[in-house]
Amino acid sequence: MLFRQRLTVVRPGTRTDRSGSVVDDWSPAVVTRIPVTRVNVQPNQQTEQVGDTRTVVTTGLRVISQPGTNPDVQAKDRIEYQGLTYQVDGEVARWPDPVNSTRVHHVEFVMVRVTG
């Protein structure tokens, strides 16, 4: 079974800053948590940059939803998966159904986590 993993989408609320601009608000009281099931999570990229004072490790995972599902994921979201928090990297691809072009066949996106 390929689509047995689950994750949680964490979406920010919004607030108005001092200049009057609407900005994302990641305060725990205003974020929205959206559980997502029936996805396949695969390794995508791993890099390590060794510097003078620290080592930066970037871990990327590709997420593919089960055909026939269209999880609510946006580029600005964060993703919680296996106890770690990732950021969506780039836009979320919604693949059209080959039979009915008004429907989504499946969704794909990359999420990354940077440490160090």
PDB file of N, CA and C in Angstrom:
ATOM      1  N   MET A   1       0.848  -1.180   0.000  1.00  0.00           N
ATOM      2  CA  MET A   1       0.000   0.000   0.000  1.00  0.00           C
ATOM      3  C   MET A   1       0.896   1.247   0.000  1.00  0.00           C
ATOM      4  N   LEU A   2       0.767   2.033  -1.028  1.00  0.00           N
ATOM      5  CA  LEU A   2       1.612   3.215  -1.172  1.00  0.00           C
ATOM      6  C   LEU A   2       1.128   4.429  -0.396  1.00  0.00           C
ATOM      7  N   PHE A   3      -0.138   4.575  -0.196  1.00  0.00           N
ATOM      8  CA  PHE A   3      -0.691   5.823   0.335  1.00  0.00           C
ATOM      9  C   PHE A   3      -1.181   5.644   1.773  1.00  0.00           C
ATOM     10  N   ARG A   4      -0.254   5.250   2.651  1.00  0.00           N
ATOM     11  CA  ARG A   4      -0.614   4.964   4.037  1.00  0.00           C
ATOM     12  C   ARG A   4      -0.127   6.011   5.020  1.00  0.00           C
ATOM     13  N   GLN A   5       0.653   6.968   4.570  1.00  0.00           N
ATOM     14  CA  GLN A   5       1.157   7.972   5.503  1.00  0.00           C
ATOM     15  C   GLN A   5       0.118   9.069   5.727  1.00  0.00           C
ATOM     16  N   ARG A   6       0.351   9.807   6.790  1.00  0.00           N
ATOM     17  CA  ARG A   6      -0.507  10.945   7.128  1.00  0.00           C
ATOM     18  C   ARG A   6       0.375  12.079   7.608  1.00  0.00           C
ATOM     19  N   LEU A   7      -0.137  13.277   7.471  1.00  0.00           N
ATOM     20  CA  LEU A   7       0.584  14.468   7.906  1.00  0.00           C
ATOM     21  C   LEU A   7      -0.425  15.516   8.325  1.00  0.00           C
ATOM     22  N   THR A   8       0.079  16.608   8.866  1.00  0.00           N
ATOM     23  CA  THR A   8      -0.799  17.703   9.279  1.00  0.00           C
ATOM     24  C   THR A   8      -0.329  18.989   8.616  1.00  0.00           C
ATOM     25  N   VAL A   9      -1.242  19.644   7.921  1.00  0.00           N
ATOM     26  CA  VAL A   9      -0.971  20.956   7.337  1.00  0.00           C
ATOM     27  C   VAL A   9      -1.197  21.993   8.429  1.00  0.00           C
ATOM     28  N   VAL A  10      -0.240  22.900   8.593  1.00  0.00           N
ATOM     29  CA  VAL A  10      -0.372  23.984   9.575  1.00  0.00           C
ATOM     30  C   VAL A  10      -0.413  25.287   8.783  1.00  0.00           C
ATOM     31  N   ARG A  11      -1.555  25.956   8.838  1.00  0.00           N
ATOM     32  CA  ARG A  11      -1.781  27.174   8.054  1.00  0.00           C
ATOM     33  C   ARG A  11      -1.845  28.382   8.978  1.00  0.00           C
ATOM     34  N   PRO A  12      -1.130  29.456   8.625  1.00  0.00           N
ATOM     35  CA  PRO A  12      -1.135  30.633   9.502  1.00  0.00           C
ATOM     36  C   PRO A  12      -2.451  31.387   9.453  1.00  0.00           C
ATOM     37  N   GLY A  13      -2.722  32.103  10.535  1.00  0.00           N
ATOM     38  CA  GLY A  13      -3.781  33.093  10.517  1.00  0.00           C
ATOM     39  C   GLY A  13      -3.198  34.370   9.933  1.00  0.00           C
ATOM     40  N   THR A  14      -3.912  35.453  10.030  1.00  0.00           N
ATOM     41  CA  THR A  14      -3.386  36.735   9.552  1.00  0.00           C
ATOM     42  C   THR A  14      -3.601  37.795  10.621  1.00  0.00           C
ATOM     43  N   ARG A  15      -2.785  38.841  10.516  1.00  0.00           N
ATOM     44  CA  ARG A  15      -2.932  40.004  11.405  1.00  0.00           C
ATOM     45  C   ARG A  15      -2.462  41.221  10.619  1.00  0.00           C
ATOM     46  N   THR A  16      -2.799  42.373  11.116  1.00  0.00           N
ATOM     47  CA  THR A  16      -2.370  43.621  10.494  1.00  0.00           C
ATOM     48  C   THR A  16      -1.182  44.161  11.286  1.00  0.00           C
ATOM     49  N   ASP A  17      -0.065  44.432  10.581  1.00  0.00           N
ATOM     50  CA  ASP A  17       1.122  44.937  11.274  1.00  0.00           C
ATOM     51  C   ASP A  17       1.024  46.452  11.459  1.00  0.00           C
ATOM     52  N   ARG A  18       2.062  47.068  12.021  1.00  0.00           N
ATOM     53  CA  ARG A  18       2.049  48.506  12.328  1.00  0.00           C
ATOM     54  C   ARG A  18       1.857  49.380  11.105  1.00  0.00           C
ATOM     55  N   SER A  19       2.326  48.894   9.951  1.00  0.00           N
ATOM     56  CA  SER A  19       2.206  49.708   8.727  1.00  0.00           C
ATOM     57  C   SER A  19       0.858  49.530   8.046  1.00  0.00           C
ATOM     58  N   GLY A  20       0.000  48.640   8.591  1.00  0.00           N
ATOM     59  CA  GLY A  20      -1.317  48.422   8.001  1.00  0.00           C
ATOM     60  C   GLY A  20      -1.347  47.277   7.007  1.00  0.00           C
ATOM     61  N   SER A  21      -0.226  46.586   6.831  1.00  0.00           N
ATOM     62  CA  SER A  21      -0.167  45.444   5.913  1.00  0.00           C
ATOM     63  C   SER A  21      -0.679  44.186   6.614  1.00  0.00           C
ATOM     64  N   VAL A  22      -1.367  43.344   5.854  1.00  0.00           N
ATOM     65  CA  VAL A  22      -1.824  42.064   6.378  1.00  0.00           C
ATOM     66  C   VAL A  22      -0.682  41.068   6.214  1.00  0.00           C
ATOM     67  N   VAL A  23      -0.280  40.428   7.323  1.00  0.00           N
ATOM     68  CA  VAL A  23       0.843  39.486   7.318  1.00  0.00           C
ATOM     69  C   VAL A  23       0.405  38.172   7.961  1.00  0.00           C
ATOM     70  N   ASP A  24       1.163  37.104   7.648  1.00  0.00           N
ATOM     71  CA  ASP A  24       0.890  35.802   8.266  1.00  0.00           C
ATOM     72  C   ASP A  24       1.158  35.871   9.760  1.00  0.00           C
ATOM     73  N   ASP A  25       0.325  35.170  10.525  1.00  0.00           N
ATOM     74  CA  ASP A  25       0.469  35.095  11.969  1.00  0.00           C
ATOM     75  C   ASP A  25       0.571  33.617  12.352  1.00  0.00           C
ATOM     76  N   TRP A  26       1.759  33.206  12.829  1.00  0.00           N
ATOM     77  CA  TRP A  26       2.006  31.810  13.189  1.00  0.00           C
ATOM     78  C   TRP A  26       1.780  31.549  14.675  1.00  0.00           C
ATOM     79  N   SER A  27       1.111  32.464  15.373  1.00  0.00           N
ATOM     80  CA  SER A  27       0.813  32.251  16.791  1.00  0.00           C
ATOM     81  C   SER A  27      -0.046  30.994  16.942  1.00  0.00           C
ATOM     82  N   PRO A  28       0.266  30.155  17.928  1.00  0.00           N
ATOM     83  CA  PRO A  28      -0.487  28.905  18.094  1.00  0.00           C
ATOM     84  C   PRO A  28      -1.995  29.100  18.204  1.00  0.00           C
ATOM     85  N   ALA A  29      -2.425  30.224  18.740  1.00  0.00           N
ATOM     86  CA  ALA A  29      -3.857  30.445  18.932  1.00  0.00           C
ATOM     87  C   ALA A  29      -4.609  30.688  17.623  1.00  0.00           C
ATOM     88  N   VAL A  30      -3.909  31.064  16.555  1.00  0.00           N
ATOM     89  CA  VAL A  30      -4.615  31.433  15.322  1.00  0.00           C
ATOM     90  C   VAL A  30      -4.298  30.538  14.126  1.00  0.00           C
ATOM     91  N   VAL A  31      -3.358  29.598  14.260  1.00  0.00           N
ATOM     92  CA  VAL A  31      -3.089  28.708  13.136  1.00  0.00           C
ATOM     93  C   VAL A  31      -4.216  27.693  12.988  1.00  0.00           C
ATOM     94  N   THR A  32      -4.388  27.212  11.768  1.00  0.00           N
ATOM     95  CA  THR A  32      -5.354  26.168  11.481  1.00  0.00           C
ATOM     96  C   THR A  32      -4.588  24.878  11.216  1.00  0.00           C
ATOM     97  N   ARG A  33      -5.044  23.781  11.791  1.00  0.00           N
ATOM     98  CA  ARG A  33      -4.411  22.474  11.606  1.00  0.00           C
ATOM     99  C   ARG A  33      -5.345  21.592  10.787  1.00  0.00           C
ATOM    100  N   ILE A  34      -4.832  21.065   9.669  1.00  0.00           N
ATOM    101  CA  ILE A  34      -5.641  20.269   8.756  1.00  0.00           C
ATOM    102  C   ILE A  34      -5.010  18.883   8.618  1.00  0.00           C
ATOM    103  N   PRO A  35      -5.649  17.840   9.141  1.00  0.00           N
ATOM    104  CA  PRO A  35      -5.091  16.500   8.974  1.00  0.00           C
ATOM    105  C   PRO A  35      -5.251  16.032   7.525  1.00  0.00           C
ATOM    106  N   VAL A  36      -4.213  15.385   7.004  1.00  0.00           N
ATOM    107  CA  VAL A  36      -4.234  14.867   5.636  1.00  0.00           C
ATOM    108  C   VAL A  36      -3.832  13.394   5.693  1.00  0.00           C
ATOM    109  N   THR A  37      -4.648  12.550   5.100  1.00  0.00           N
ATOM    110  CA  THR A  37      -4.360  11.119   5.054  1.00  0.00           C
ATOM    111  C   THR A  37      -4.194  10.688   3.599  1.00  0.00           C
ATOM    112  N   ARG A  38      -3.849   9.443   3.408  1.00  0.00           N
ATOM    113  CA  ARG A  38      -3.724   8.822   2.083  1.00  0.00           C
ATOM    114  C   ARG A  38      -2.692   9.532   1.203  1.00  0.00           C
ATOM    115  N   VAL A  39      -1.501   9.742   1.777  1.00  0.00           N
ATOM    116  CA  VAL A  39      -0.395  10.303   1.000  1.00  0.00           C
ATOM    117  C   VAL A  39       0.786   9.339   1.038  1.00  0.00           C
ATOM    118  N   ASN A  40       1.674   9.509   0.075  1.00  0.00           N
ATOM    119  CA  ASN A  40       2.926   8.770   0.005  1.00  0.00           C
ATOM    120  C   ASN A  40       4.044   9.785   0.147  1.00  0.00           C
ATOM    121  N   VAL A  41       4.928   9.581   1.121  1.00  0.00           N
ATOM    122  CA  VAL A  41       6.024  10.503   1.380  1.00  0.00           C
ATOM    123  C   VAL A  41       7.323   9.781   1.034  1.00  0.00           C
ATOM    124  N   GLN A  42       8.122  10.404   0.153  1.00  0.00           N
ATOM    125  CA  GLN A  42       9.351   9.779  -0.330  1.00  0.00           C
ATOM    126  C   GLN A  42      10.526  10.730  -0.156  1.00  0.00           C
ATOM    127  N   PRO A  43      11.735  10.189   0.086  1.00  0.00           N
ATOM    128  CA  PRO A  43      12.920  11.052   0.122  1.00  0.00           C
ATOM    129  C   PRO A  43      13.081  11.768  -1.215  1.00  0.00           C
ATOM    130  N   ASN A  44      13.476  13.034  -1.167  1.00  0.00           N
ATOM    131  CA  ASN A  44      13.619  13.817  -2.387  1.00  0.00           C
ATOM    132  C   ASN A  44      15.014  14.406  -2.527  1.00  0.00           C
ATOM    133  N   GLN A  45      15.517  15.005  -1.446  1.00  0.00           N
ATOM    134  CA  GLN A  45      16.842  15.616  -1.500  1.00  0.00           C
ATOM    135  C   GLN A  45      17.433  15.689  -0.108  1.00  0.00           C
ATOM    136  N   GLN A  46      18.727  15.544  -0.040  1.00  0.00           N
ATOM    137  CA  GLN A  46      19.445  15.733   1.201  1.00  0.00           C
ATOM    138  C   GLN A  46      20.758  16.419   0.844  1.00  0.00           C
ATOM    139  N   THR A  47      21.030  17.534   1.500  1.00  0.00           N
ATOM    140  CA  THR A  47      22.297  18.224   1.279  1.00  0.00           C
ATOM    141  C   THR A  47      22.890  18.611   2.618  1.00  0.00           C
ATOM    142  N   GLU A  48      24.199  18.732   2.627  1.00  0.00           N
ATOM    143  CA  GLU A  48      24.913  19.144   3.828  1.00  0.00           C
ATOM    144  C   GLU A  48      25.975  20.148   3.415  1.00  0.00           C
ATOM    145  N   GLN A  49      25.959  21.314   4.063  1.00  0.00           N
ATOM    146  CA  GLN A  49      26.958  22.352   3.803  1.00  0.00           C
ATOM    147  C   GLN A  49      27.740  22.575   5.085  1.00  0.00           C
ATOM    148  N   VAL A  50      29.025  22.316   5.022  1.00  0.00           N
ATOM    149  CA  VAL A  50      29.884  22.474   6.187  1.00  0.00           C
ATOM    150  C   VAL A  50      30.557  23.836   6.114  1.00  0.00           C
ATOM    151  N   GLY A  51      30.329  24.655   7.139  1.00  0.00           N
ATOM    152  CA  GLY A  51      30.943  25.981   7.204  1.00  0.00           C
ATOM    153  C   GLY A  51      31.939  26.045   8.345  1.00  0.00           C
ATOM    154  N   ASP A  52      32.467  27.234   8.565  1.00  0.00           N
ATOM    155  CA  ASP A  52      33.446  27.424   9.640  1.00  0.00           C
ATOM    156  C   ASP A  52      32.835  27.243  11.026  1.00  0.00           C
ATOM    157  N   THR A  53      31.571  27.672  11.177  1.00  0.00           N
ATOM    158  CA  THR A  53      30.973  27.655  12.511  1.00  0.00           C
ATOM    159  C   THR A  53      29.809  26.681  12.655  1.00  0.00           C
ATOM    160  N   ARG A  54      29.254  26.208  11.534  1.00  0.00           N
ATOM    161  CA  ARG A  54      28.122  25.292  11.648  1.00  0.00           C
ATOM    162  C   ARG A  54      27.958  24.468  10.382  1.00  0.00           C
ATOM    163  N   THR A  55      27.209  23.391  10.515  1.00  0.00           N
ATOM    164  CA  THR A  55      26.857  22.537   9.386  1.00  0.00           C
ATOM    165  C   THR A  55      25.367  22.691   9.148  1.00  0.00           C
ATOM    166  N   VAL A  56      24.984  23.011   7.919  1.00  0.00           N
ATOM    167  CA  VAL A  56      23.584  23.177   7.561  1.00  0.00           C
ATOM    168  C   VAL A  56      23.138  21.940   6.785  1.00  0.00           C
ATOM    169  N   VAL A  57      22.097  21.298   7.272  1.00  0.00           N
ATOM    170  CA  VAL A  57      21.560  20.102   6.634  1.00  0.00           C
ATOM    171  C   VAL A  57      20.160  20.425   6.118  1.00  0.00           C
ATOM    172  N   THR A  58      19.928  20.156   4.842  1.00  0.00           N
ATOM    173  CA  THR A  58      18.615  20.352   4.230  1.00  0.00           C
ATOM    174  C   THR A  58      18.057  18.985   3.851  1.00  0.00           C
ATOM    175  N   THR A  59      16.874  18.689   4.334  1.00  0.00           N
ATOM    176  CA  THR A  59      16.208  17.428   4.023  1.00  0.00           C
ATOM    177  C   THR A  59      14.917  17.745   3.285  1.00  0.00           C
ATOM    178  N   GLY A  60      14.737  17.137   2.125  1.00  0.00           N
ATOM    179  CA  GLY A  60      13.528  17.349   1.334  1.00  0.00           C
ATOM    180  C   GLY A  60      12.769  16.052   1.142  1.00  0.00           C
ATOM    181  N   LEU A  61      11.458  16.142   1.185  1.00  0.00           N
ATOM    182  CA  LEU A  61      10.585  14.997   0.970  1.00  0.00           C
ATOM    183  C   LEU A  61       9.545  15.353  -0.090  1.00  0.00           C
ATOM    184  N   ARG A  62       9.256  14.418  -0.978  1.00  0.00           N
ATOM    185  CA  ARG A  62       8.200  14.603  -1.985  1.00  0.00           C
ATOM    186  C   ARG A  62       6.945  13.922  -1.469  1.00  0.00           C
ATOM    187  N   VAL A  63       5.824  14.631  -1.555  1.00  0.00           N
ATOM    188  CA  VAL A  63       4.539  14.109  -1.102  1.00  0.00           C
ATOM    189  C   VAL A  63       3.630  13.964  -2.313  1.00  0.00           C
ATOM    190  N   ILE A  64       3.020  12.793  -2.436  1.00  0.00           N
ATOM    191  CA  ILE A  64       2.089  12.511  -3.524  1.00  0.00           C
ATOM    192  C   ILE A  64       0.801  11.997  -2.894  1.00  0.00           C
ATOM    193  N   SER A  65      -0.329  12.599  -3.267  1.00  0.00           N
ATOM    194  CA  SER A  65      -1.599  12.135  -2.707  1.00  0.00           C
ATOM    195  C   SER A  65      -2.135  10.967  -3.529  1.00  0.00           C
ATOM    196  N   GLN A  66      -2.970  10.189  -2.898  1.00  0.00           N
ATOM    197  CA  GLN A  66      -3.606   9.063  -3.584  1.00  0.00           C
ATOM    198  C   GLN A  66      -4.473   9.591  -4.729  1.00  0.00           C
ATOM    199  N   PRO A  67      -4.461   8.924  -5.888  1.00  0.00           N
ATOM    200  CA  PRO A  67      -5.337   9.363  -6.979  1.00  0.00           C
ATOM    201  C   PRO A  67      -6.776   9.503  -6.498  1.00  0.00           C
ATOM    202  N   GLY A  68      -7.403  10.585  -6.937  1.00  0.00           N
ATOM    203  CA  GLY A  68      -8.773  10.871  -6.536  1.00  0.00           C
ATOM    204  C   GLY A  68      -8.873  11.756  -5.310  1.00  0.00           C
ATOM    205  N   THR A  69      -7.727  12.153  -4.730  1.00  0.00           N
ATOM    206  CA  THR A  69      -7.762  13.022  -3.555  1.00  0.00           C
ATOM    207  C   THR A  69      -7.136  14.373  -3.888  1.00  0.00           C
ATOM    208  N   ASN A  70      -7.602  15.394  -3.215  1.00  0.00           N
ATOM    209  CA  ASN A  70      -7.141  16.763  -3.443  1.00  0.00           C
ATOM    210  C   ASN A  70      -6.970  17.451  -2.087  1.00  0.00           C
ATOM    211  N   PRO A  71      -5.899  17.091  -1.347  1.00  0.00           N
ATOM    212  CA  PRO A  71      -5.724  17.690  -0.022  1.00  0.00           C
ATOM    213  C   PRO A  71      -5.512  19.199  -0.099  1.00  0.00           C
ATOM    214  N   ASP A  72      -5.987  19.883   0.930  1.00  0.00           N
ATOM    215  CA  ASP A  72      -5.894  21.339   1.010  1.00  0.00           C
ATOM    216  C   ASP A  72      -4.501  21.728   1.497  1.00  0.00           C
ATOM    217  N   VAL A  73      -3.572  21.915   0.551  1.00  0.00           N
ATOM    218  CA  VAL A  73      -2.206  22.316   0.851  1.00  0.00           C
ATOM    219  C   VAL A  73      -1.874  23.532   0.006  1.00  0.00           C
ATOM    220  N   GLN A  74      -1.227  24.533   0.623  1.00  0.00           N
ATOM    221  CA  GLN A  74      -0.840  25.752  -0.087  1.00  0.00           C
ATOM    222  C   GLN A  74       0.653  26.005   0.105  1.00  0.00           C
ATOM    223  N   ALA A  75       1.242  26.783  -0.781  1.00  0.00           N
ATOM    224  CA  ALA A  75       2.682  27.045  -0.746  1.00  0.00           C
ATOM    225  C   ALA A  75       3.136  27.685   0.559  1.00  0.00           C
ATOM    226  N   LYS A  76       2.285  28.462   1.219  1.00  0.00           N
ATOM    227  CA  LYS A  76       2.697  29.146   2.451  1.00  0.00           C
ATOM    228  C   LYS A  76       2.602  28.263   3.695  1.00  0.00           C
ATOM    229  N   ASP A  77       2.058  27.054   3.556  1.00  0.00           N
ATOM    230  CA  ASP A  77       1.829  26.189   4.704  1.00  0.00           C
ATOM    231  C   ASP A  77       3.117  25.583   5.257  1.00  0.00           C
ATOM    232  N   ARG A  78       3.030  25.157   6.483  1.00  0.00           N
ATOM    233  CA  ARG A  78       4.039  24.298   7.092  1.00  0.00           C
ATOM    234  C   ARG A  78       3.406  22.917   7.237  1.00  0.00           C
ATOM    235  N   ILE A  79       4.244  21.898   7.286  1.00  0.00           N
ATOM    236  CA  ILE A  79       3.762  20.527   7.361  1.00  0.00           C
ATOM    237  C   ILE A  79       4.402  19.833   8.553  1.00  0.00           C
ATOM    238  N   GLU A  80       3.588  19.185   9.368  1.00  0.00           N
ATOM    239  CA  GLU A  80       4.106  18.356  10.448  1.00  0.00           C
ATOM    240  C   GLU A  80       4.036  16.902   9.991  1.00  0.00           C
ATOM    241  N   TYR A  81       5.198  16.227  10.058  1.00  0.00           N
ATOM    242  CA  TYR A  81       5.283  14.842   9.612  1.00  0.00           C
ATOM    243  C   TYR A  81       6.274  14.102  10.506  1.00  0.00           C
ATOM    244  N   GLN A  82       5.833  13.036  11.092  1.00  0.00           N
ATOM    245  CA  GLN A  82       6.645  12.205  11.974  1.00  0.00           C
ATOM    246  C   GLN A  82       7.366  13.017  13.053  1.00  0.00           C
ATOM    247  N   GLY A  83       6.634  13.961  13.647  1.00  0.00           N
ATOM    248  CA  GLY A  83       7.158  14.740  14.761  1.00  0.00           C
ATOM    249  C   GLY A  83       8.065  15.901  14.381  1.00  0.00           C
ATOM    250  N   LEU A  84       8.263  16.140  13.090  1.00  0.00           N
ATOM    251  CA  LEU A  84       9.110  17.244  12.626  1.00  0.00           C
ATOM    252  C   LEU A  84       8.274  18.226  11.812  1.00  0.00           C
ATOM    253  N   THR A  85       8.743  19.474  11.736  1.00  0.00           N
ATOM    254  CA  THR A  85       8.037  20.505  10.967  1.00  0.00           C
ATOM    255  C   THR A  85       8.838  20.843   9.717  1.00  0.00           C
ATOM    256  N   TYR A  86       8.156  20.836   8.586  1.00  0.00           N
ATOM    257  CA  TYR A  86       8.735  21.143   7.284  1.00  0.00           C
ATOM    258  C   TYR A  86       8.015  22.355   6.703  1.00  0.00           C
ATOM    259  N   GLN A  87       8.616  22.955   5.676  1.00  0.00           N
ATOM    260  CA  GLN A  87       7.969  24.029   4.925  1.00  0.00           C
ATOM    261  C   GLN A  87       7.691  23.533   3.514  1.00  0.00           C
ATOM    262  N   VAL A  88       6.556  23.924   2.956  1.00  0.00           N
ATOM    263  CA  VAL A  88       6.276  23.600   1.563  1.00  0.00           C
ATOM    264  C   VAL A  88       7.272  24.377   0.718  1.00  0.00           C
ATOM    265  N   ASP A  89       7.919  23.697  -0.212  1.00  0.00           N
ATOM    266  CA  ASP A  89       8.948  24.299  -1.061  1.00  0.00           C
ATOM    267  C   ASP A  89       8.390  24.463  -2.466  1.00  0.00           C
ATOM    268  N   GLY A  90       8.072  25.684  -2.849  1.00  0.00           N
ATOM    269  CA  GLY A  90       7.502  25.940  -4.175  1.00  0.00           C
ATOM    270  C   GLY A  90       5.993  25.803  -4.167  1.00  0.00           C
ATOM    271  N   GLU A  91       5.439  25.771  -5.357  1.00  0.00           N
ATOM    272  CA  GLU A  91       3.987  25.662  -5.501  1.00  0.00           C
ATOM    273  C   GLU A  91       3.530  24.213  -5.384  1.00  0.00           C
ATOM    274  N   VAL A  92       2.281  24.039  -5.055  1.00  0.00           N
ATOM    275  CA  VAL A  92       1.659  22.724  -4.965  1.00  0.00           C
ATOM    276  C   VAL A  92       1.099  22.388  -6.347  1.00  0.00           C
ATOM    277  N   ALA A  93       1.460  21.214  -6.879  1.00  0.00           N
ATOM    278  CA  ALA A  93       0.999  20.797  -8.210  1.00  0.00           C
ATOM    279  C   ALA A  93      -0.281  19.989  -8.074  1.00  0.00           C
ATOM    280  N   ARG A  94      -1.310  20.436  -8.752  1.00  0.00           N
ATOM    281  CA  ARG A  94      -2.587  19.719  -8.789  1.00  0.00           C
ATOM    282  C   ARG A  94      -2.742  19.153 -10.202  1.00  0.00           C
ATOM    283  N   TRP A  95      -2.582  17.839 -10.319  1.00  0.00           N
ATOM    284  CA  TRP A  95      -2.596  17.184 -11.620  1.00  0.00           C
ATOM    285  C   TRP A  95      -4.034  16.936 -12.060  1.00  0.00           C
ATOM    286  N   PRO A  96      -4.387  17.357 -13.282  1.00  0.00           N
ATOM    287  CA  PRO A  96      -5.764  17.170 -13.744  1.00  0.00           C
ATOM    288  C   PRO A  96      -6.060  15.701 -14.024  1.00  0.00           C
ATOM    289  N   ASP A  97      -7.301  15.329 -13.799  1.00  0.00           N
ATOM    290  CA  ASP A  97      -7.764  13.985 -14.106  1.00  0.00           C
ATOM    291  C   ASP A  97      -7.761  13.813 -15.621  1.00  0.00           C
ATOM    292  N   PRO A  98      -7.172  12.725 -16.142  1.00  0.00           N
ATOM    293  CA  PRO A  98      -7.114  12.560 -17.597  1.00  0.00           C
ATOM    294  C   PRO A  98      -8.474  12.329 -18.247  1.00  0.00           C
ATOM    295  N   VAL A  99      -9.463  11.916 -17.474  1.00  0.00           N
ATOM    296  CA  VAL A  99     -10.790  11.656 -18.025  1.00  0.00           C
ATOM    297  C   VAL A  99     -11.716  12.857 -17.852  1.00  0.00           C
ATOM    298  N   ASN A 100     -11.642  13.507 -16.706  1.00  0.00           N
ATOM    299  CA  ASN A 100     -12.509  14.638 -16.402  1.00  0.00           C
ATOM    300  C   ASN A 100     -11.629  15.820 -16.006  1.00  0.00           C
ATOM    301  N   SER A 101     -11.387  16.723 -16.920  1.00  0.00           N
ATOM    302  CA  SER A 101     -10.434  17.818 -16.697  1.00  0.00           C
ATOM    303  C   SER A 101     -10.883  18.825 -15.640  1.00  0.00           C
ATOM    304  N   THR A 102     -12.106  18.732 -15.155  1.00  0.00           N
ATOM    305  CA  THR A 102     -12.559  19.637 -14.103  1.00  0.00           C
ATOM    306  C   THR A 102     -12.207  19.098 -12.713  1.00  0.00           C
ATOM    307  N   ARG A 103     -11.684  17.874 -12.657  1.00  0.00           N
ATOM    308  CA  ARG A 103     -11.325  17.267 -11.377  1.00  0.00           C
ATOM    309  C   ARG A 103      -9.810  17.148 -11.251  1.00  0.00           C
ATOM    310  N   VAL A 104      -9.356  17.040 -10.016  1.00  0.00           N
ATOM    311  CA  VAL A 104      -7.937  16.835  -9.733  1.00  0.00           C
ATOM    312  C   VAL A 104      -7.695  15.334  -9.602  1.00  0.00           C
ATOM    313  N   HIS A 105      -6.691  14.838 -10.309  1.00  0.00           N
ATOM    314  CA  HIS A 105      -6.337  13.414 -10.206  1.00  0.00           C
ATOM    315  C   HIS A 105      -5.556  13.144  -8.927  1.00  0.00           C
ATOM    316  N   HIS A 106      -4.512  13.951  -8.692  1.00  0.00           N
ATOM    317  CA  HIS A 106      -3.733  13.843  -7.465  1.00  0.00           C
ATOM    318  C   HIS A 106      -2.936  15.125  -7.263  1.00  0.00           C
ATOM    319  N   VAL A 107      -2.323  15.246  -6.100  1.00  0.00           N
ATOM    320  CA  VAL A 107      -1.569  16.437  -5.719  1.00  0.00           C
ATOM    321  C   VAL A 107      -0.138  16.012  -5.406  1.00  0.00           C
ATOM    322  N   GLU A 108       0.835  16.851  -5.807  1.00  0.00           N
ATOM    323  CA  GLU A 108       2.234  16.608  -5.472  1.00  0.00           C
ATOM    324  C   GLU A 108       2.857  17.904  -4.973  1.00  0.00           C
ATOM    325  N   PHE A 109       3.742  17.767  -3.975  1.00  0.00           N
ATOM    326  CA  PHE A 109       4.516  18.918  -3.521  1.00  0.00           C
ATOM    327  C   PHE A 109       5.768  18.427  -2.826  1.00  0.00           C
ATOM    328  N   VAL A 110       6.712  19.335  -2.652  1.00  0.00           N
ATOM    329  CA  VAL A 110       7.954  19.050  -1.943  1.00  0.00           C
ATOM    330  C   VAL A 110       7.936  19.840  -0.643  1.00  0.00           C
ATOM    331  N   MET A 111       8.396  19.199   0.414  1.00  0.00           N
ATOM    332  CA  MET A 111       8.551  19.908   1.686  1.00  0.00           C
ATOM    333  C   MET A 111       9.986  19.749   2.145  1.00  0.00           C
ATOM    334  N   VAL A 112      10.509  20.806   2.786  1.00  0.00           N
ATOM    335  CA  VAL A 112      11.916  20.804   3.201  1.00  0.00           C
ATOM    336  C   VAL A 112      12.035  21.200   4.676  1.00  0.00           C
ATOM    337  N   ARG A 113      13.129  20.727   5.262  1.00  0.00           N
ATOM    338  CA  ARG A 113      13.476  21.072   6.639  1.00  0.00           C
ATOM    339  C   ARG A 113      14.958  21.401   6.666  1.00  0.00           C
ATOM    340  N   VAL A 114      15.295  22.563   7.201  1.00  0.00           N
ATOM    341  CA  VAL A 114      16.683  22.991   7.281  1.00  0.00           C
ATOM    342  C   VAL A 114      17.085  23.071   8.741  1.00  0.00           C
ATOM    343  N   THR A 115      18.218  22.442   9.087  1.00  0.00           N
ATOM    344  CA  THR A 115      18.720  22.480  10.457  1.00  0.00           C
ATOM    345  C   THR A 115      20.188  22.897  10.428  1.00  0.00           C
ATOM    346  N   GLY A 116      20.644  23.421  11.532  1.00  0.00           N
ATOM    347  CA  GLY A 116      22.063  23.775  11.648  1.00  0.00           C
ATOM    348  C   GLY A 116      22.293  25.251  11.746  1.00  0.00           C
TER     349      GLY A 116
END
